[in-house]
């Protein structure tokens, strides 16, 4: 990956890896540097974190089989559709 300034689109694509502590140190630094200058990306990160917290409180059995299939299909293909 590039060593220059991270773009907002790149940050959005890396947010999961960031939250899972899976980014290499250089990429993590670029990610965090971008956050210091971009209020929109700070908001996006906070929204993703809140979504994760909220979904962590949803019992898996509350999701219908069809909804689960639809969500999994959407997430599997999201990068192809971007």
N, C-alpha and C. Protein backbone atom coordinates (compact mmCIF):
# COMPACT_ATOMS: atom_id res chain seq x y z
N UNK A 1 0.84 -1.18 0.00
CA UNK A 1 0.00 0.00 0.00
C UNK A 1 0.88 1.24 0.00
N UNK A 2 0.32 2.33 -0.37
CA UNK A 2 1.03 3.60 -0.49
C UNK A 2 1.56 4.06 0.87
N UNK A 3 2.61 4.87 0.82
CA UNK A 3 3.15 5.44 2.06
C UNK A 3 2.74 6.90 2.22
N UNK A 4 1.98 7.44 1.24
CA UNK A 4 1.53 8.82 1.30
C UNK A 4 0.32 8.97 2.22
N UNK A 5 -0.30 10.11 2.10
CA UNK A 5 -1.48 10.42 2.92
C UNK A 5 -2.64 9.49 2.55
N UNK A 6 -3.30 8.99 3.54
CA UNK A 6 -4.44 8.10 3.36
C UNK A 6 -5.65 8.91 2.89
N UNK A 7 -6.40 8.39 1.94
CA UNK A 7 -7.62 9.05 1.50
C UNK A 7 -8.80 8.55 2.34
N UNK A 8 -9.90 9.27 2.27
CA UNK A 8 -11.11 8.85 2.99
C UNK A 8 -11.58 7.49 2.50
N UNK A 9 -11.55 7.25 1.21
CA UNK A 9 -11.98 5.96 0.66
C UNK A 9 -11.10 4.83 1.19
N UNK A 10 -9.80 5.06 1.26
CA UNK A 10 -8.90 4.04 1.80
C UNK A 10 -9.21 3.76 3.26
N UNK A 11 -9.49 4.81 4.01
CA UNK A 11 -9.82 4.63 5.43
C UNK A 11 -11.07 3.76 5.57
N UNK A 12 -12.08 4.04 4.79
CA UNK A 12 -13.32 3.26 4.86
C UNK A 12 -13.03 1.79 4.56
N UNK A 13 -12.16 1.54 3.59
CA UNK A 13 -11.83 0.16 3.23
C UNK A 13 -11.00 -0.54 4.30
N UNK A 14 -10.28 0.22 5.12
CA UNK A 14 -9.39 -0.36 6.13
C UNK A 14 -9.98 -0.38 7.53
N UNK A 15 -11.17 0.16 7.73
CA UNK A 15 -11.69 0.35 9.08
C UNK A 15 -11.84 -0.98 9.84
N UNK A 16 -12.25 -2.03 9.18
CA UNK A 16 -12.40 -3.32 9.87
C UNK A 16 -11.04 -3.83 10.34
N UNK A 17 -10.06 -3.78 9.45
CA UNK A 17 -8.72 -4.24 9.83
C UNK A 17 -8.17 -3.39 10.98
N UNK A 18 -8.46 -2.09 10.95
CA UNK A 18 -8.01 -1.20 12.02
C UNK A 18 -8.62 -1.63 13.36
N UNK A 19 -9.92 -1.85 13.36
CA UNK A 19 -10.61 -2.21 14.59
C UNK A 19 -10.21 -3.60 15.10
N UNK A 20 -9.77 -4.46 14.20
CA UNK A 20 -9.32 -5.80 14.59
C UNK A 20 -7.82 -5.84 14.87
N UNK A 21 -7.19 -4.68 14.88
CA UNK A 21 -5.75 -4.56 15.13
C UNK A 21 -4.94 -5.42 14.16
N UNK A 22 -5.38 -5.44 12.91
CA UNK A 22 -4.74 -6.27 11.89
C UNK A 22 -3.92 -5.46 10.89
N UNK A 23 -3.86 -4.15 11.06
CA UNK A 23 -3.08 -3.32 10.14
C UNK A 23 -1.60 -3.35 10.55
N UNK A 24 -0.72 -3.40 9.58
CA UNK A 24 0.71 -3.26 9.90
C UNK A 24 0.94 -1.88 10.53
N UNK A 25 1.97 -1.73 11.34
CA UNK A 25 2.20 -0.46 12.05
C UNK A 25 2.20 0.77 11.14
N UNK A 26 2.82 0.70 9.97
CA UNK A 26 2.87 1.86 9.07
C UNK A 26 1.46 2.25 8.62
N UNK A 27 0.65 1.26 8.26
CA UNK A 27 -0.72 1.54 7.82
C UNK A 27 -1.57 2.07 8.98
N UNK A 28 -1.38 1.51 10.16
CA UNK A 28 -2.11 1.98 11.34
C UNK A 28 -1.78 3.45 11.60
N UNK A 29 -0.51 3.81 11.47
CA UNK A 29 -0.10 5.21 11.66
C UNK A 29 -0.75 6.12 10.63
N UNK A 30 -0.76 5.70 9.37
CA UNK A 30 -1.41 6.49 8.32
C UNK A 30 -2.90 6.67 8.62
N UNK A 31 -3.53 5.59 9.07
CA UNK A 31 -4.95 5.61 9.41
C UNK A 31 -5.20 6.64 10.52
N UNK A 32 -4.42 6.54 11.58
CA UNK A 32 -4.61 7.43 12.73
C UNK A 32 -4.25 8.87 12.40
N UNK A 33 -3.25 9.08 11.56
CA UNK A 33 -2.91 10.44 11.13
C UNK A 33 -4.07 11.06 10.35
N UNK A 34 -4.69 10.28 9.49
CA UNK A 34 -5.83 10.78 8.72
C UNK A 34 -6.96 11.20 9.67
N UNK A 35 -7.19 10.39 10.70
CA UNK A 35 -8.26 10.71 11.65
C UNK A 35 -8.04 12.06 12.34
N UNK A 36 -6.78 12.44 12.53
CA UNK A 36 -6.52 13.71 13.22
C UNK A 36 -6.94 14.92 12.41
N UNK A 37 -7.07 14.74 11.08
CA UNK A 37 -7.39 15.89 10.24
C UNK A 37 -8.74 15.78 9.54
N UNK A 38 -9.46 14.68 9.75
CA UNK A 38 -10.70 14.47 9.00
C UNK A 38 -11.88 14.17 9.93
N UNK A 39 -12.69 15.17 10.23
CA UNK A 39 -13.83 14.95 11.12
C UNK A 39 -14.83 13.94 10.54
N UNK A 40 -15.01 13.91 9.23
CA UNK A 40 -15.95 12.97 8.62
C UNK A 40 -15.53 11.52 8.87
N UNK A 41 -14.25 11.25 8.77
CA UNK A 41 -13.76 9.89 9.00
C UNK A 41 -13.81 9.53 10.48
N UNK A 42 -13.61 10.50 11.36
CA UNK A 42 -13.78 10.22 12.79
C UNK A 42 -15.22 9.84 13.08
N UNK A 43 -16.16 10.52 12.46
CA UNK A 43 -17.57 10.20 12.63
C UNK A 43 -17.86 8.80 12.08
N UNK A 44 -17.31 8.49 10.90
CA UNK A 44 -17.52 7.17 10.30
C UNK A 44 -17.00 6.08 11.24
N UNK A 45 -15.80 6.26 11.77
CA UNK A 45 -15.22 5.27 12.68
C UNK A 45 -16.11 5.11 13.91
N UNK A 46 -16.57 6.20 14.47
CA UNK A 46 -17.45 6.13 15.65
C UNK A 46 -18.75 5.40 15.33
N UNK A 47 -19.29 5.63 14.14
CA UNK A 47 -20.53 4.95 13.74
C UNK A 47 -20.31 3.45 13.59
N UNK A 48 -19.19 3.06 13.01
CA UNK A 48 -18.88 1.63 12.87
C UNK A 48 -18.72 1.00 14.25
N UNK A 49 -18.01 1.69 15.14
CA UNK A 49 -17.83 1.16 16.49
C UNK A 49 -19.17 1.02 17.21
N UNK A 50 -20.05 1.99 17.07
CA UNK A 50 -21.37 1.92 17.71
C UNK A 50 -22.20 0.79 17.11
N UNK A 51 -22.11 0.61 15.81
CA UNK A 51 -22.84 -0.49 15.15
C UNK A 51 -22.36 -1.83 15.70
N UNK A 52 -21.05 -1.99 15.85
CA UNK A 52 -20.50 -3.23 16.40
C UNK A 52 -21.01 -3.45 17.82
N UNK A 53 -21.01 -2.40 18.63
CA UNK A 53 -21.52 -2.53 20.01
C UNK A 53 -22.99 -2.92 20.01
N UNK A 54 -23.78 -2.28 19.16
CA UNK A 54 -25.22 -2.57 19.12
C UNK A 54 -25.48 -3.99 18.63
N UNK A 55 -24.79 -4.40 17.59
CA UNK A 55 -25.00 -5.75 17.07
C UNK A 55 -24.52 -6.82 18.04
N UNK A 56 -23.58 -6.48 18.86
CA UNK A 56 -23.11 -7.43 19.87
C UNK A 56 -24.17 -7.74 20.90
N UNK A 57 -25.20 -6.92 20.96
CA UNK A 57 -26.29 -7.13 21.93
C UNK A 57 -27.50 -7.81 21.29
N UNK A 58 -27.43 -8.10 20.00
CA UNK A 58 -28.54 -8.73 19.30
C UNK A 58 -28.33 -10.24 19.33
N UNK A 59 -29.29 -10.97 19.92
CA UNK A 59 -29.13 -12.42 19.97
C UNK A 59 -29.18 -13.02 18.55
N UNK A 60 -28.24 -13.91 18.22
CA UNK A 60 -28.21 -14.49 16.87
C UNK A 60 -29.53 -15.13 16.45
N UNK A 61 -30.23 -15.70 17.38
CA UNK A 61 -31.49 -16.38 17.04
C UNK A 61 -32.60 -15.41 16.66
N UNK A 62 -32.40 -14.11 16.86
CA UNK A 62 -33.42 -13.13 16.49
C UNK A 62 -33.41 -12.82 14.99
N UNK A 63 -32.39 -13.29 14.29
CA UNK A 63 -32.26 -13.05 12.85
C UNK A 63 -32.82 -14.24 12.09
N UNK A 64 -33.74 -13.97 11.17
CA UNK A 64 -34.31 -15.06 10.37
C UNK A 64 -33.24 -15.65 9.45
N UNK A 65 -33.45 -16.87 9.02
CA UNK A 65 -32.49 -17.51 8.11
C UNK A 65 -32.34 -16.71 6.81
N UNK A 66 -33.45 -16.21 6.31
CA UNK A 66 -33.39 -15.43 5.07
C UNK A 66 -32.60 -14.13 5.27
N UNK A 67 -32.85 -13.44 6.38
CA UNK A 67 -32.13 -12.21 6.66
C UNK A 67 -30.63 -12.49 6.78
N UNK A 68 -30.29 -13.58 7.43
CA UNK A 68 -28.88 -13.95 7.57
C UNK A 68 -28.25 -14.20 6.20
N UNK A 69 -28.93 -14.95 5.35
CA UNK A 69 -28.42 -15.22 3.99
C UNK A 69 -28.25 -13.93 3.21
N UNK A 70 -29.25 -13.05 3.29
CA UNK A 70 -29.20 -11.79 2.55
C UNK A 70 -28.04 -10.91 3.02
N UNK A 71 -27.86 -10.82 4.33
CA UNK A 71 -26.77 -10.01 4.88
C UNK A 71 -25.40 -10.59 4.49
N UNK A 72 -25.26 -11.90 4.61
CA UNK A 72 -23.99 -12.52 4.24
C UNK A 72 -23.68 -12.30 2.76
N UNK A 73 -24.69 -12.42 1.91
CA UNK A 73 -24.49 -12.19 0.48
C UNK A 73 -24.10 -10.74 0.21
N UNK A 74 -24.73 -9.81 0.90
CA UNK A 74 -24.41 -8.40 0.71
C UNK A 74 -22.98 -8.10 1.13
N UNK A 75 -22.55 -8.64 2.26
CA UNK A 75 -21.20 -8.37 2.74
C UNK A 75 -20.15 -9.07 1.89
N UNK A 76 -20.48 -10.23 1.37
CA UNK A 76 -19.51 -10.92 0.51
C UNK A 76 -19.26 -10.13 -0.77
N UNK A 77 -20.28 -9.46 -1.27
CA UNK A 77 -20.15 -8.75 -2.53
C UNK A 77 -19.93 -7.27 -2.43
N UNK A 78 -19.82 -6.71 -1.23
CA UNK A 78 -19.78 -5.25 -1.11
C UNK A 78 -18.59 -4.63 -1.83
N UNK A 79 -17.42 -5.24 -1.79
CA UNK A 79 -16.26 -4.63 -2.42
C UNK A 79 -16.36 -4.66 -3.94
N UNK A 80 -17.04 -5.67 -4.47
CA UNK A 80 -17.23 -5.73 -5.91
C UNK A 80 -18.17 -4.64 -6.38
N UNK A 81 -19.07 -4.18 -5.49
CA UNK A 81 -20.09 -3.19 -5.86
C UNK A 81 -19.62 -1.75 -5.61
N UNK A 82 -18.50 -1.58 -4.97
CA UNK A 82 -18.02 -0.24 -4.63
C UNK A 82 -17.36 0.39 -5.83
